[in-house]
């Protein structure tokens, strides 16, 4: 199992099992990451400094979907 999601993961890139970028983490709440699939340059910067909020475009990633959490968040292949 991957490391739990924390506020330290905000701003990280989320990729699928093949390494395709899926978005960036805009916030983490209750072990769920909210991922912005099309962040603007400003949203990327704000996310890295913890000032980005979720919006209707964001999708959720839960801990059971994770392969690994490091410099980027990698999702499992069998989701």
Protein backbone atom coordinates (compact mmCIF):
# COMPACT_ATOMS: atom_id res chain seq x y z
CA UNK A 1 0.00 0.00 0.00
CA UNK A 2 1.19 3.51 -0.80
CA UNK A 3 1.87 6.18 1.81
CA UNK A 4 -1.23 8.02 3.04
CA UNK A 5 -2.25 11.25 1.32
CA UNK A 6 -1.44 14.41 3.27
CA UNK A 7 -1.40 18.17 2.77
CA UNK A 8 2.25 17.74 1.70
CA UNK A 9 0.94 16.15 -1.52
CA UNK A 10 -0.79 19.36 -2.66
CA UNK A 11 0.87 20.55 -5.87
CA UNK A 12 2.18 17.12 -6.87
CA UNK A 13 1.60 15.76 -10.34
CA UNK A 14 -0.71 12.75 -10.65
CA UNK A 15 0.17 10.17 -13.33
CA UNK A 16 -1.37 6.90 -14.48
CA UNK A 17 0.46 3.55 -14.51
CA UNK A 18 2.00 4.37 -17.92
CA UNK A 19 3.29 7.75 -16.72
CA UNK A 20 0.70 9.93 -18.49
CA UNK A 21 0.07 13.16 -16.56
CA UNK A 22 -3.51 13.37 -15.28
CA UNK A 23 -3.34 16.66 -13.36
CA UNK A 24 -2.10 18.17 -10.11
CA UNK A 25 -3.36 17.78 -6.56
CA UNK A 26 -5.24 20.94 -5.57
CA UNK A 27 -6.14 19.80 -2.04
CA UNK A 28 -6.28 16.79 0.28
CA UNK A 29 -9.15 16.17 2.68
CA UNK A 30 -9.86 13.03 4.72
CA UNK A 31 -7.38 10.83 2.82
CA UNK A 32 -8.80 11.95 -0.55
CA UNK A 33 -6.88 14.02 -3.09
CA UNK A 34 -8.73 16.47 -5.32
CA UNK A 35 -7.00 16.60 -8.70
CA UNK A 36 -7.26 19.45 -11.20
CA UNK A 37 -6.98 17.84 -14.66
CA UNK A 38 -6.26 21.09 -16.54
CA UNK A 39 -4.42 23.48 -14.24
CA UNK A 40 -3.36 26.85 -15.57
CA UNK A 41 0.13 28.13 -14.82
CA UNK A 42 -1.32 30.30 -12.03
CA UNK A 43 -3.25 27.36 -10.54
CA UNK A 44 -0.07 25.25 -10.59
CA UNK A 45 1.85 27.96 -8.75
CA UNK A 46 -0.93 28.54 -6.20
CA UNK A 47 -1.23 24.80 -5.61
CA UNK A 48 2.48 24.46 -4.89
CA UNK A 49 2.22 27.12 -2.18
CA UNK A 50 -1.03 25.69 -0.78
CA UNK A 51 -3.42 28.38 -1.97
CA UNK A 52 -5.43 26.46 -4.60
CA UNK A 53 -8.99 25.36 -3.81
CA UNK A 54 -11.07 22.61 -5.37
CA UNK A 55 -13.61 23.39 -8.05
CA UNK A 56 -16.21 21.55 -10.13
CA UNK A 57 -13.55 20.40 -12.59
CA UNK A 58 -11.54 18.48 -9.98
CA UNK A 59 -11.85 14.72 -9.60
CA UNK A 60 -11.07 12.63 -6.54
CA UNK A 61 -8.32 10.10 -5.92
CA UNK A 62 -8.55 7.86 -2.87
CA UNK A 63 -5.74 5.95 -1.19
CA UNK A 64 -6.94 2.60 -2.57
CA UNK A 65 -6.24 3.93 -6.10
CA UNK A 66 -2.55 4.62 -5.39
CA UNK A 67 0.47 2.67 -6.56
CA UNK A 68 2.99 5.05 -4.99
CA UNK A 69 3.41 8.52 -3.52
CA UNK A 70 6.76 10.27 -3.93
CA UNK A 71 7.79 13.24 -6.03
CA UNK A 72 4.64 12.46 -8.01
CA UNK A 73 1.55 10.38 -7.30
CA UNK A 74 1.23 7.23 -9.40
CA UNK A 75 -2.13 5.52 -9.79
CA UNK A 76 -2.48 1.75 -10.01
CA UNK A 77 -3.00 0.22 -13.44
CA UNK A 78 -6.12 -1.76 -12.56
CA UNK A 79 -8.38 1.14 -11.59
